[in-house]
């Protein structure tokens, strides 16, 4: 499942949006143009897409974890730089 892969990835996080999910599945145009005809899919995508705030928190948690795994001291400026 694409959403689970994105959440469990060790790479720099990407915001989970309907467009990004569609791009990864190769059906972006279908989702953007005909999502109203797919009510169950629409409901699922609404439940898993991230708000900007949720994404920012996930990205900061990832940055802290990355710094810890590299053995670096966790300082605010390092977290902010790593999180981008």
Protein backbone atom coordinates (compact mmCIF):
# COMPACT_ATOMS: atom_id res chain seq x y z
CA UNK A 1 0.00 0.00 0.00
CA UNK A 2 1.43 3.35 -1.05
CA UNK A 3 0.36 5.28 2.04
CA UNK A 4 1.94 2.75 4.41
CA UNK A 5 5.17 2.79 2.40
CA UNK A 6 5.27 6.58 2.62
CA UNK A 7 4.66 6.54 6.38
CA UNK A 8 7.23 3.81 7.06
CA UNK A 9 9.92 5.10 4.71
CA UNK A 10 13.29 6.05 6.15
CA UNK A 11 13.78 8.63 3.40
CA UNK A 12 12.91 12.31 3.86
CA UNK A 13 9.11 12.45 4.30
CA UNK A 14 6.76 13.62 1.59
CA UNK A 15 3.37 15.11 2.41
CA UNK A 16 0.60 12.61 1.82
CA UNK A 17 -1.79 14.25 -0.62
CA UNK A 18 -4.29 12.94 -3.12
CA UNK A 19 -2.10 14.17 -5.98
CA UNK A 20 1.03 12.46 -4.66
CA UNK A 21 -0.80 9.18 -4.06
CA UNK A 22 -2.21 9.39 -7.59
CA UNK A 23 1.24 10.07 -9.03
CA UNK A 24 2.81 7.11 -7.25
CA UNK A 25 0.01 4.84 -8.48
CA UNK A 26 0.06 6.30 -12.00
CA UNK A 27 -3.59 7.41 -11.82
CA UNK A 28 -3.23 11.07 -10.88
CA UNK A 29 -5.41 12.36 -13.72
CA UNK A 30 -8.15 9.87 -12.88
CA UNK A 31 -8.19 10.94 -9.24
CA UNK A 32 -8.10 14.64 -10.05
CA UNK A 33 -10.86 14.50 -12.66
CA UNK A 34 -13.17 11.69 -11.52
CA UNK A 35 -12.80 11.39 -7.75
CA UNK A 36 -16.45 12.38 -7.36
CA UNK A 37 -17.39 9.13 -9.14
CA UNK A 38 -15.34 7.07 -6.66
CA UNK A 39 -16.99 7.76 -3.29
CA UNK A 40 -15.29 4.97 -1.33
CA UNK A 41 -11.88 5.92 -2.72
CA UNK A 42 -12.59 9.56 -1.96
CA UNK A 43 -13.55 8.70 1.61
CA UNK A 44 -10.35 6.68 2.10
CA UNK A 45 -8.13 9.39 0.62
CA UNK A 46 -9.75 12.01 2.84
CA UNK A 47 -8.98 9.85 5.87
CA UNK A 48 -5.27 9.37 5.05
CA UNK A 49 -4.24 12.72 3.54
CA UNK A 50 -2.16 14.91 5.82
CA UNK A 51 -2.79 18.45 6.87
CA UNK A 52 0.14 20.81 6.62
CA UNK A 53 0.57 20.73 10.41
CA UNK A 54 0.53 16.91 10.60
CA UNK A 55 3.16 16.75 7.88
CA UNK A 56 5.38 19.31 9.60
CA UNK A 57 5.23 17.33 12.85
CA UNK A 58 6.05 14.06 11.06
CA UNK A 59 8.97 15.72 9.27
CA UNK A 60 10.37 17.11 12.54
CA UNK A 61 10.09 13.69 14.21
CA UNK A 62 11.93 12.19 11.24
CA UNK A 63 14.68 14.81 11.50
CA UNK A 64 15.16 14.16 15.23
CA UNK A 65 15.33 10.40 14.60
CA UNK A 66 17.87 10.90 11.79
CA UNK A 67 20.10 13.07 13.99
CA UNK A 68 19.96 10.51 16.80
CA UNK A 69 20.82 7.65 14.44
CA UNK A 70 23.85 9.62 13.19
CA UNK A 71 24.98 10.15 16.77
CA UNK A 72 24.66 13.93 16.59
CA UNK A 73 23.51 16.13 19.44
CA UNK A 74 19.90 17.17 18.92
CA UNK A 75 19.86 20.95 18.75
CA UNK A 76 17.01 23.08 17.49
CA UNK A 77 18.94 24.57 14.59
CA UNK A 78 20.09 21.12 13.45
CA UNK A 79 16.54 19.77 13.55
CA UNK A 80 15.24 22.75 11.60
CA UNK A 81 18.00 22.44 8.99
CA UNK A 82 17.48 18.68 8.60
CA UNK A 83 13.69 18.98 8.39
CA UNK A 84 14.05 21.65 5.75
